């Protein structure tokens, strides 16, 4: 009987403890489950968006470079709906190339500027900067080209940057700088 009495006392102590702390523990468990569930939903959504962007980008790069209107359309979709993915910056650089080949330098410049400002990868920003600077150099906007080169170049592209800066200095007649 003493055993049953001792068990009853322990049970009463647990009930009293639960009445005091049960709501807090339950709240913490519910909050933890909600955070975990929210994280899982976020991961699913992010992966889904990345997959959609990847598929759209793959369709874009297989598009003929001469089909500029289709490239512009797909790039607009990538840069507006999937701007948080690395594919948007890559698409902008690809569209800039297609526009440049089609002699639409205004659109090409706009795409490169978008990539410089919004690309998620520093190497894509550097490539866009180099291409924009080369375009400005070609149009004899030497100061604009220098400004672009001095703003945003990844370490891995310093050689190309210096080469282009040398070409600009040479074109300006500054052979000592070149």
Protein backbone atom coordinates (compact mmCIF):
# COMPACT_ATOMS: atom_id res chain seq x y z
CA UNK A 1 0.00 0.00 0.00
CA UNK A 2 2.92 2.33 0.73
CA UNK A 3 4.06 1.82 -2.80
CA UNK A 4 0.68 2.95 -4.16
CA UNK A 5 0.69 5.95 -1.84
CA UNK A 6 4.17 6.93 -2.97
CA UNK A 7 3.15 6.58 -6.61
CA UNK A 8 0.07 8.69 -5.95
CA UNK A 9 2.22 11.41 -4.36
CA UNK A 10 4.57 11.39 -7.35
CA UNK A 11 1.61 11.55 -9.70
CA UNK A 12 0.14 14.48 -7.75
CA UNK A 13 3.51 16.25 -7.84
CA UNK A 14 3.75 15.71 -11.58
CA UNK A 15 0.19 17.00 -12.10
CA UNK A 16 0.99 20.10 -10.06
CA UNK A 17 4.22 20.62 -12.00
CA UNK A 18 2.38 20.11 -15.30
CA UNK A 19 -0.34 22.57 -14.30
CA UNK A 20 2.39 25.12 -13.57
CA UNK A 21 4.67 24.50 -16.59
CA UNK A 22 2.54 22.56 -19.08
CA UNK A 23 1.34 25.56 -21.09
CA UNK A 24 4.87 26.87 -21.52
CA UNK A 25 6.20 23.48 -22.62
CA UNK A 26 3.28 22.97 -24.99
CA UNK A 27 3.78 26.46 -26.43
CA UNK A 28 7.49 25.82 -26.96
CA UNK A 29 6.79 22.50 -28.69
CA UNK A 30 4.14 24.06 -30.94
CA UNK A 31 6.46 26.98 -31.77
CA UNK A 32 9.29 24.57 -32.59
CA UNK A 33 7.01 22.54 -34.85
CA UNK A 34 5.79 25.69 -36.60
CA UNK A 35 9.35 26.92 -37.15
CA UNK A 36 10.39 23.52 -38.48
CA UNK A 37 7.33 23.34 -40.74
CA UNK A 38 7.91 26.89 -41.97
CA UNK A 39 11.53 26.11 -42.74
CA UNK A 40 10.53 23.01 -44.69
CA UNK A 41 7.98 25.01 -46.71
CA UNK A 42 10.58 27.71 -47.39
CA UNK A 43 13.11 25.10 -48.55
CA UNK A 44 10.53 23.49 -50.82
CA UNK A 45 9.51 26.84 -52.29
CA UNK A 46 13.14 27.92 -52.85
CA UNK A 47 14.01 24.63 -54.54
CA UNK A 48 10.89 24.83 -56.70
CA UNK A 49 11.73 28.39 -57.79
CA UNK A 50 15.34 27.40 -58.55
CA UNK A 51 14.21 24.43 -60.61
CA UNK A 52 11.74 26.57 -62.57
CA UNK A 53 14.42 29.20 -63.18
CA UNK A 54 16.91 26.53 -64.24
CA UNK A 55 14.46 25.08 -66.75
CA UNK A 56 13.67 28.52 -68.15
CA UNK A 57 17.37 29.36 -68.38
CA UNK A 58 18.08 26.09 -70.19
CA UNK A 59 15.36 26.94 -72.69
CA UNK A 60 16.86 30.41 -73.08
CA UNK A 61 20.41 29.30 -73.84
CA UNK A 62 19.19 26.82 -76.43
CA UNK A 63 17.31 29.59 -78.24
CA UNK A 64 18.94 30.75 -81.47
CA UNK A 65 20.84 34.02 -80.88
CA UNK A 66 19.06 35.49 -83.90
CA UNK A 67 15.67 35.12 -82.20
CA UNK A 68 16.12 38.27 -80.12
CA UNK A 69 12.42 38.78 -79.36
CA UNK A 70 12.15 35.31 -77.78
CA UNK A 71 15.38 35.86 -75.86
CA UNK A 72 14.10 39.22 -74.58
CA UNK A 73 10.81 37.64 -73.53
CA UNK A 74 12.44 34.77 -71.64
CA UNK A 75 15.00 37.10 -70.06
CA UNK A 76 12.28 39.49 -68.91
CA UNK A 77 10.51 36.57 -67.25
CA UNK A 78 13.70 35.40 -65.55
CA UNK A 79 14.72 38.85 -64.34
CA UNK A 80 11.26 39.73 -63.04
CA UNK A 81 9.96 36.45 -61.60
CA UNK A 82 13.24 34.75 -60.67
CA UNK A 83 15.53 37.69 -59.87
CA UNK A 84 16.58 36.00 -56.62
CA UNK A 85 18.24 33.15 -58.50
CA UNK A 86 21.65 33.12 -60.18
CA UNK A 87 19.96 32.39 -63.49
CA UNK A 88 18.56 35.91 -63.80
CA UNK A 89 21.99 37.52 -63.99
CA UNK A 90 23.21 34.91 -66.42
CA UNK A 91 20.14 35.43 -68.58
CA UNK A 92 20.74 39.19 -68.63
CA UNK A 93 24.31 38.66 -69.87
CA UNK A 94 23.07 36.21 -72.51
CA UNK A 95 20.37 38.64 -73.65
CA UNK A 96 22.95 41.43 -73.80
CA UNK A 97 25.04 39.33 -76.17
CA UNK A 98 22.05 38.56 -78.40
CA UNK A 99 21.01 42.22 -78.45
CA UNK A 100 24.54 43.35 -79.22
CA UNK A 101 24.78 40.92 -82.14
CA UNK A 102 21.44 42.28 -83.39
CA UNK A 103 22.90 45.83 -83.18
CA UNK A 104 20.52 46.79 -80.34
CA UNK A 105 23.20 48.34 -78.14
CA UNK A 106 20.71 50.22 -75.96
CA UNK A 107 19.04 46.97 -74.86
CA UNK A 108 22.40 45.27 -74.52
CA UNK A 109 23.66 48.07 -72.28
CA UNK A 110 20.48 47.96 -70.16
CA UNK A 111 20.83 44.19 -69.66
CA UNK A 112 24.48 44.49 -68.67
CA UNK A 113 23.69 47.29 -66.21
CA UNK A 114 20.92 45.13 -64.72
CA UNK A 115 23.35 42.22 -64.34
CA UNK A 116 25.97 44.43 -62.69
CA UNK A 117 23.46 45.68 -60.13
CA UNK A 118 21.39 42.53 -59.54
CA UNK A 119 23.35 39.38 -60.38
CA UNK A 120 23.76 37.04 -57.42
CA UNK A 121 27.21 35.86 -58.52
CA UNK A 122 30.20 38.20 -58.41
CA UNK A 123 31.76 36.57 -61.48
CA UNK A 124 28.62 37.34 -63.52
CA UNK A 125 28.77 40.93 -62.29
CA UNK A 126 32.43 41.07 -63.37
CA UNK A 127 31.68 39.61 -66.80
CA UNK A 128 28.86 42.10 -67.28
CA UNK A 129 31.16 44.95 -66.19
CA UNK A 130 33.87 43.87 -68.63
CA UNK A 131 31.39 43.55 -71.49
CA UNK A 132 29.82 46.93 -70.74
CA UNK A 133 33.24 48.56 -70.49
CA UNK A 134 34.27 46.99 -73.80
CA UNK A 135 31.07 48.29 -75.40
CA UNK A 136 31.72 51.79 -74.04
CA UNK A 137 35.34 51.59 -75.21
CA UNK A 138 34.16 50.59 -78.67
CA UNK A 139 31.90 53.66 -78.70
CA UNK A 140 34.87 55.82 -77.58
CA UNK A 141 33.33 56.56 -74.15
CA UNK A 142 36.67 56.01 -72.46
CA UNK A 143 35.83 57.69 -69.17
CA UNK A 144 32.59 55.70 -68.88
CA UNK A 145 34.50 52.49 -69.57
CA UNK A 146 37.11 53.33 -66.91
CA UNK A 147 34.39 54.13 -64.41
CA UNK A 148 32.69 50.76 -64.98
CA UNK A 149 35.99 48.90 -64.70
CA UNK A 150 36.94 50.60 -61.46
CA UNK A 151 33.61 49.89 -59.75
CA UNK A 152 32.90 46.21 -59.89
CA UNK A 153 35.49 43.66 -60.95
CA UNK A 154 35.98 40.31 -59.22
CA UNK A 155 39.57 39.42 -58.33
CA UNK A 156 39.66 36.64 -60.93
CA UNK A 157 39.10 39.16 -63.72
CA UNK A 158 41.77 41.71 -62.81
CA UNK A 159 43.96 40.66 -65.75
CA UNK A 160 41.16 41.29 -68.25
CA UNK A 161 40.36 44.57 -66.51
CA UNK A 162 43.99 45.72 -66.71
CA UNK A 163 44.19 44.68 -70.35
CA UNK A 164 41.11 46.73 -71.21
CA UNK A 165 42.36 49.69 -69.16
CA UNK A 166 45.62 49.49 -71.14
CA UNK A 167 43.68 49.53 -74.42
CA UNK A 168 41.71 52.55 -73.23
CA UNK A 169 44.87 54.40 -72.21
CA UNK A 170 46.47 53.59 -75.56
CA UNK A 171 43.38 54.83 -77.42
CA UNK A 172 43.59 58.07 -75.43
CA UNK A 173 47.23 58.47 -76.40
CA UNK A 174 48.49 57.80 -72.88
CA UNK A 175 51.20 55.33 -73.81
CA UNK A 176 52.92 55.59 -70.43
CA UNK A 177 49.73 54.45 -68.63
CA UNK A 178 49.14 51.69 -71.14
